[in-house]
């Protein structure tokens, strides 16, 4: 059984801050550092005998169509309706393509990627 990973997209996350002590001088001084984060969403598909290349292509098209519908939901403050809208749109489009997958075959993953710590510059 092969596994296929499809990246849905990425979005910039909230910046992180921390205070470290610079002990290079005689008197230790606190320094504020910051780094950027990125949230990456992927779908992992466990391929079985009922998922051939054609079904996989239709599945990826369903993901893209659902993702496009969520772009509008991103305009709503907080994006509260994004995930329910994605699931509803994906389910409808996938059903129209005749895709039959079990819940165990599809996994939605999110991963946070952290940038390097940098000295915070006050404007």
C-alpha atoms as a PDB file:
ATOM      1  CA  UNK A   1       0.000   0.000   0.000  1.00  0.00           C
ATOM      2  CA  UNK A   2       1.575   3.289  -1.139  1.00  0.00           C
ATOM      3  CA  UNK A   3       1.138   6.662   0.495  1.00  0.00           C
ATOM      4  CA  UNK A   4       0.594   9.886  -1.446  1.00  0.00           C
ATOM      5  CA  UNK A   5       1.123  13.276   0.231  1.00  0.00           C
ATOM      6  CA  UNK A   6      -0.572  16.327  -1.308  1.00  0.00           C
ATOM      7  CA  UNK A   7       0.287  19.808  -0.040  1.00  0.00           C
ATOM      8  CA  UNK A   8      -2.843  21.954   0.212  1.00  0.00           C
ATOM      9  CA  UNK A   9      -0.996  25.184   0.880  1.00  0.00           C
ATOM     10  CA  UNK A  10       0.793  27.247   3.462  1.00  0.00           C
ATOM     11  CA  UNK A  11       0.080  30.403   5.386  1.00  0.00           C
ATOM     12  CA  UNK A  12       2.237  32.667   7.487  1.00  0.00           C
ATOM     13  CA  UNK A  13       1.672  32.112  11.173  1.00  0.00           C
ATOM     14  CA  UNK A  14       2.036  34.414  14.120  1.00  0.00           C
ATOM     15  CA  UNK A  15       5.534  35.676  14.870  1.00  0.00           C
ATOM     16  CA  UNK A  16       7.179  34.368  18.029  1.00  0.00           C
ATOM     17  CA  UNK A  17       9.149  36.447  20.511  1.00  0.00           C
ATOM     18  CA  UNK A  18      11.585  35.587  23.254  1.00  0.00           C
ATOM     19  CA  UNK A  19      13.970  37.431  25.561  1.00  0.00           C
ATOM     20  CA  UNK A  20      17.543  36.198  25.906  1.00  0.00           C
ATOM     21  CA  UNK A  21      20.400  37.602  27.910  1.00  0.00           C
ATOM     22  CA  UNK A  22      23.427  38.910  26.037  1.00  0.00           C
ATOM     23  CA  UNK A  23      26.326  38.169  28.361  1.00  0.00           C
ATOM     24  CA  UNK A  24      29.024  39.338  25.938  1.00  0.00           C
ATOM     25  CA  UNK A  25      29.455  42.546  27.977  1.00  0.00           C
ATOM     26  CA  UNK A  26      30.303  42.952  31.633  1.00  0.00           C
ATOM     27  CA  UNK A  27      26.671  43.717  32.406  1.00  0.00           C
ATOM     28  CA  UNK A  28      24.235  41.187  30.892  1.00  0.00           C
ATOM     29  CA  UNK A  29      21.583  42.903  28.752  1.00  0.00           C
ATOM     30  CA  UNK A  30      18.230  41.459  27.698  1.00  0.00           C
ATOM     31  CA  UNK A  31      17.710  41.145  23.941  1.00  0.00           C
ATOM     32  CA  UNK A  32      14.342  40.581  22.276  1.00  0.00           C
ATOM     33  CA  UNK A  33      14.443  38.063  19.434  1.00  0.00           C
ATOM     34  CA  UNK A  34      11.737  37.125  16.965  1.00  0.00           C
ATOM     35  CA  UNK A  35      11.135  34.459  14.345  1.00  0.00           C
ATOM     36  CA  UNK A  36       8.505  33.794  11.716  1.00  0.00           C
ATOM     37  CA  UNK A  37       6.376  30.675  11.529  1.00  0.00           C
ATOM     38  CA  UNK A  38       4.657  29.035   8.578  1.00  0.00           C
ATOM     39  CA  UNK A  39       1.729  26.645   8.827  1.00  0.00           C
ATOM     40  CA  UNK A  40       1.665  23.982   6.089  1.00  0.00           C
ATOM     41  CA  UNK A  41      -1.441  21.864   5.440  1.00  0.00           C
ATOM     42  CA  UNK A  42      -1.123  18.480   3.736  1.00  0.00           C
ATOM     43  CA  UNK A  43      -3.382  15.541   3.005  1.00  0.00           C
ATOM     44  CA  UNK A  44      -2.019  12.013   3.311  1.00  0.00           C
ATOM     45  CA  UNK A  45      -3.799   9.417   1.168  1.00  0.00           C
ATOM     46  CA  UNK A  46      -3.302   5.724   1.876  1.00  0.00           C
ATOM     47  CA  UNK A  47      -3.592   4.113  -1.549  1.00  0.00           C
ATOM     48  CA  UNK A  48      -5.240   0.724  -1.812  1.00  0.00           C
ATOM     49  CA  UNK A  49      -6.386  -1.354  -4.776  1.00  0.00           C
ATOM     50  CA  UNK A  50      -9.492   0.833  -5.195  1.00  0.00           C
ATOM     51  CA  UNK A  51      -7.384   3.980  -5.724  1.00  0.00           C
ATOM     52  CA  UNK A  52      -5.735   4.034  -9.139  1.00  0.00           C
ATOM     53  CA  UNK A  53      -4.085   7.008 -10.866  1.00  0.00           C
ATOM     54  CA  UNK A  54      -7.383   8.246 -12.319  1.00  0.00           C
ATOM     55  CA  UNK A  55      -9.111   8.241  -8.933  1.00  0.00           C
ATOM     56  CA  UNK A  56      -6.080   9.918  -7.376  1.00  0.00           C
ATOM     57  CA  UNK A  57      -6.170  12.670 -10.019  1.00  0.00           C
ATOM     58  CA  UNK A  58      -9.904  13.231  -9.394  1.00  0.00           C
ATOM     59  CA  UNK A  59      -9.217  13.311  -5.653  1.00  0.00           C
ATOM     60  CA  UNK A  60      -6.551  15.997  -6.076  1.00  0.00           C
ATOM     61  CA  UNK A  61      -8.943  18.005  -8.284  1.00  0.00           C
ATOM     62  CA  UNK A  62     -11.540  17.738  -5.513  1.00  0.00           C
ATOM     63  CA  UNK A  63      -9.016  19.074  -3.006  1.00  0.00           C
ATOM     64  CA  UNK A  64      -8.141  22.003  -5.257  1.00  0.00           C
ATOM     65  CA  UNK A  65     -11.796  22.893  -5.892  1.00  0.00           C
ATOM     66  CA  UNK A  66     -12.531  22.782  -2.178  1.00  0.00           C
ATOM     67  CA  UNK A  67      -9.434  24.867  -1.472  1.00  0.00           C
ATOM     68  CA  UNK A  68     -10.551  27.477  -3.998  1.00  0.00           C
ATOM     69  CA  UNK A  69     -13.930  27.780  -2.281  1.00  0.00           C
ATOM     70  CA  UNK A  70     -12.196  28.332   1.053  1.00  0.00           C
ATOM     71  CA  UNK A  71     -10.294  31.324  -0.327  1.00  0.00           C
ATOM     72  CA  UNK A  72     -13.505  33.309  -0.021  1.00  0.00           C
ATOM     73  CA  UNK A  73     -14.036  32.031   3.513  1.00  0.00           C
ATOM     74  CA  UNK A  74     -10.608  33.384   4.426  1.00  0.00           C
ATOM     75  CA  UNK A  75     -12.024  36.876   4.060  1.00  0.00           C
ATOM     76  CA  UNK A  76     -14.294  36.262   7.055  1.00  0.00           C
ATOM     77  CA  UNK A  77     -12.619  37.440  10.271  1.00  0.00           C
ATOM     78  CA  UNK A  78     -11.158  34.479  12.109  1.00  0.00           C
ATOM     79  CA  UNK A  79     -11.865  32.117   9.195  1.00  0.00           C
ATOM     80  CA  UNK A  80     -14.414  30.274  11.365  1.00  0.00           C
ATOM     81  CA  UNK A  81     -16.262  28.824   8.398  1.00  0.00           C
ATOM     82  CA  UNK A  82     -13.167  27.729   6.469  1.00  0.00           C
ATOM     83  CA  UNK A  83     -12.909  24.091   7.615  1.00  0.00           C
ATOM     84  CA  UNK A  84     -16.655  23.219   7.499  1.00  0.00           C
ATOM     85  CA  UNK A  85     -16.882  24.829   4.050  1.00  0.00           C
ATOM     86  CA  UNK A  86     -13.814  22.918   2.860  1.00  0.00           C
ATOM     87  CA  UNK A  87     -15.191  19.569   4.052  1.00  0.00           C
ATOM     88  CA  UNK A  88     -18.654  20.178   2.583  1.00  0.00           C
ATOM     89  CA  UNK A  89     -17.295  21.340  -0.790  1.00  0.00           C
ATOM     90  CA  UNK A  90     -14.737  18.539  -0.947  1.00  0.00           C
ATOM     91  CA  UNK A  91     -17.356  15.906  -0.099  1.00  0.00           C
ATOM     92  CA  UNK A  92     -19.778  17.162  -2.745  1.00  0.00           C
ATOM     93  CA  UNK A  93     -17.150  17.419  -5.475  1.00  0.00           C
ATOM     94  CA  UNK A  94     -15.575  14.054  -4.631  1.00  0.00           C
ATOM     95  CA  UNK A  95     -18.999  12.361  -4.648  1.00  0.00           C
ATOM     96  CA  UNK A  96     -19.754  13.869  -8.064  1.00  0.00           C
ATOM     97  CA  UNK A  97     -16.526  12.275  -9.363  1.00  0.00           C
ATOM     98  CA  UNK A  98     -17.497   8.884  -7.916  1.00  0.00           C
ATOM     99  CA  UNK A  99     -14.699   8.803  -5.373  1.00  0.00           C
ATOM    100  CA  UNK A 100     -15.340   6.375  -2.515  1.00  0.00           C
ATOM    101  CA  UNK A 101     -12.770   6.613   0.248  1.00  0.00           C
ATOM    102  CA  UNK A 102     -12.970   5.497   3.836  1.00  0.00           C
ATOM    103  CA  UNK A 103     -12.118   7.840   6.693  1.00  0.00           C
ATOM    104  CA  UNK A 104      -8.987   5.811   7.451  1.00  0.00           C
ATOM    105  CA  UNK A 105      -7.559   6.453   3.988  1.00  0.00           C
ATOM    106  CA  UNK A 106      -7.481  10.249   4.326  1.00  0.00           C
ATOM    107  CA  UNK A 107      -5.566  12.185   6.960  1.00  0.00           C
ATOM    108  CA  UNK A 108      -5.349  15.973   7.182  1.00  0.00           C
ATOM    109  CA  UNK A 109      -2.010  17.087   8.646  1.00  0.00           C
ATOM    110  CA  UNK A 110      -0.715  20.476   9.634  1.00  0.00           C
ATOM    111  CA  UNK A 111       2.900  21.260  10.337  1.00  0.00           C
ATOM    112  CA  UNK A 112       4.456  24.424  11.705  1.00  0.00           C
ATOM    113  CA  UNK A 113       7.827  25.384  10.259  1.00  0.00           C
ATOM    114  CA  UNK A 114       9.908  27.748  12.370  1.00  0.00           C
ATOM    115  CA  UNK A 115      12.333  30.320  10.979  1.00  0.00           C
ATOM    116  CA  UNK A 116      15.629  31.400  12.512  1.00  0.00           C
ATOM    117  CA  UNK A 117      15.734  33.605  15.596  1.00  0.00           C
ATOM    118  CA  UNK A 118      16.716  37.193  14.765  1.00  0.00           C
ATOM    119  CA  UNK A 119      17.332  40.251  16.872  1.00  0.00           C
ATOM    120  CA  UNK A 120      14.102  42.283  17.030  1.00  0.00           C
ATOM    121  CA  UNK A 121      14.439  45.720  15.442  1.00  0.00           C
ATOM    122  CA  UNK A 122      12.340  48.435  17.047  1.00  0.00           C
ATOM    123  CA  UNK A 123      10.950  50.821  14.429  1.00  0.00           C
END
